[in-house]
Every structure is written in C-alpha cells, then in structure tokens.
Amino acid sequence: MDTSSSPAAVAPPRRRTAIFWVSVVCAAALSGVAVWMLAGNPAVLAGHPLLPGILLAASAAGVAWAVLLWLRRDVPRPRSLPRIVGAWLGRLAVLAFAAGLAWLNPFAYQPGATAEAGPTSDFSVTETNAAVTMSPEGSATSKGLVFYPGARVDARAYQDILAPVVGAGYRVVILKEPLGLSLLDGNQARGAIGDNPDITTWAVGGHSLGGVSASSFALHNADIKGLVLYASYPVESLRGRTGLAILSVSGSSDGLSTPAKIDASRQLLPADTEFAAVRGGVHAFFGDYGNQPGDGEPGVSRQAAQQQIAAATVAFLGRL
C-alpha cells in the first residue's frame, strides 16, 4: 500500500519515571528551603555569612537542576542497575541535605519587655559578620566577656540579658557562630580577644551548647579568668584548671538542661564553682528568641527570670 501521502506518525509523549519526579522534588526542595529561610527569617542574613552563602548556593543549584530537567524532559536516559541505585541514593542525600538546611533555621531575636523599656545603661553596639559588640559609653574599660550563643540562636537575642554586664563596665562580645553551632569553631573567642587588644581581663560564657564551647575554651586558655554558664555544663573536667572562677546559672523548670544534668555537672567543675538556680526558669529564658521545643513549663515571668540571671552574672564578674 502506498503510504507516501499518509501523515507522519506522531511519537507518543515519553512516560515520566519515578526518578524524574523525585528529581523535581529535589530541585524544588533546594530552592524552596533557601528562599523560605532567606526571605522569612531576618536572623539568617544577620548572622554568620556561612549559612546564607550555603543557602544561595543551594538555591542556584535547585534552579539549575530544574532548568536541566525541563530541557531534557523528552530525552530517554537508559541506566544500568548500578547507575539507578546511585541516582536514588544521590537524590535521597539531596533531600536529607535540604532537611538539614531547614533544621539550621535559627531562632530569631524577639525583643521582650527589657528591650521595650530601653537600655538600663549607656552603651554602644557594633555589629559585624562575626560578632555583636557592646561597649560602655563614655568610659574606657579593661574587662571583657566573650559569649557563645546557644545552638541556632540569633546572637542579638542575648543583647538585652547581657546589657547589665555592659553597664557594670564590661565590654561584651556576642559571637555569630558558623551555622549557629559553636562546636564548628570552638576557638572563635580567640579572634574576638585579638580584635579587642585594649581589654586585659577576659571571661567567657555561653548558653546551652555555647556553654560547652566556652568551657572548653576556658580550659585550654590560661588567660581566661572567668567562665559563665547559662543552662549549660562542660563535657571535660575543669577541676584541674587553676585561676578560673566559674558561675553556673540554671532554671529549675528547664526541660533541656535539666536540674539533674546541672547537678551531675558538679563533678566536672571546681569545688568553689558558684551555682545559681532561677526558680521556675526555663531554657529559653536565657535569651530573647521565643519558645524552644522540648523546654519545660515556666513558673516565673521571662522578665523576672532574666533580672535574676543578669544580677547573678554582674555580681560574679564584679568579683573577678
């Protein structure tokens, strides 16, 4: 039969495979998580530059992947079994990476009653990519405190609770940690000390995971004279560390650094360590960043708890 005049056969559209749709989800996850965090949380851009840098790279990779999927949507790609297995494992890794980025979304600074009431003393605030520095206004000081924030907490969330320390004559440097995790650069305090050569007496402190890093730094640096632990405890023994005064402030209703954990930490701390417990205080009361999953139920107001925390800190540092 003569088919020279018959219309050309139209190839049916290629059926999309499961791995194609998983690739679409991966591309959307990379870009979506990045946009969600960069646009929705001011703490991301205000923090250490490593996280926004990774997010921008993830967003660009997601867009590039989506474009590539579109351009090659009708191109058949036969794969051997090892390549199929590798493709699935790679995409699962991408989804895990996107979930990890979402978990790193920081707790943003939420100014409370203390901030609304205005500063209790005159001080200046200088902010860089690495730290927030608060200095007493109009008078020279030779004393300083370097503070490690808790995991994934905006450094600015500690400005108000540490303001009375500045009023007592200390320069306070609150570190902006890489990815919001102090363990990624436990020696970060050394850079802050180097940036403030006029300070001759240094203490370090930290909240929660930040206190772990502060403890380790104080243990291995003999020039540190004081250590302030907020709802935290060391993982290494400091009993043999001489010339170091230590204050541990905790909350009796803390659901994360529980009273039992704080009590157990006594065996790692020198016998003369000062312990102060805020009755009814919880983990999130040691900064201004809202509530925290897994925390306990408070039995005191945030403002009252923070007044006790600040007072204990000022009194302790004054004795150094």
Foldseek 3Di string as FASTA:
>chain_A
DDCPPPDDDDDDADDDDPLLVLLLVLLCLLQVLLCCLVVPAPLQVQFAVQLNVVSVVSNVVSVVSVVVCVVCVRPDDDDDPVVVVVSVVVSVVSVVVSVVSNVLRAQEADDDPLVVVPQPADWDWDGDSWWIKIAHPPDDAQEEEEEEEDARYRQVQQCRLCRVVRVLRYIYIYTRDNSRQCVVPLPSVVVVCVVCVSHQAYAYEYAARRLQSSVVNCQPDLRHQEYEYELYAYPAASQPRPNYAYEYEYECQEQPSHPVVVVVRCVRYHPRHHYHYDYQDYRPLNTRRDDDPRTGGGPDDSVVSSVVVSVVVNVRVVVD
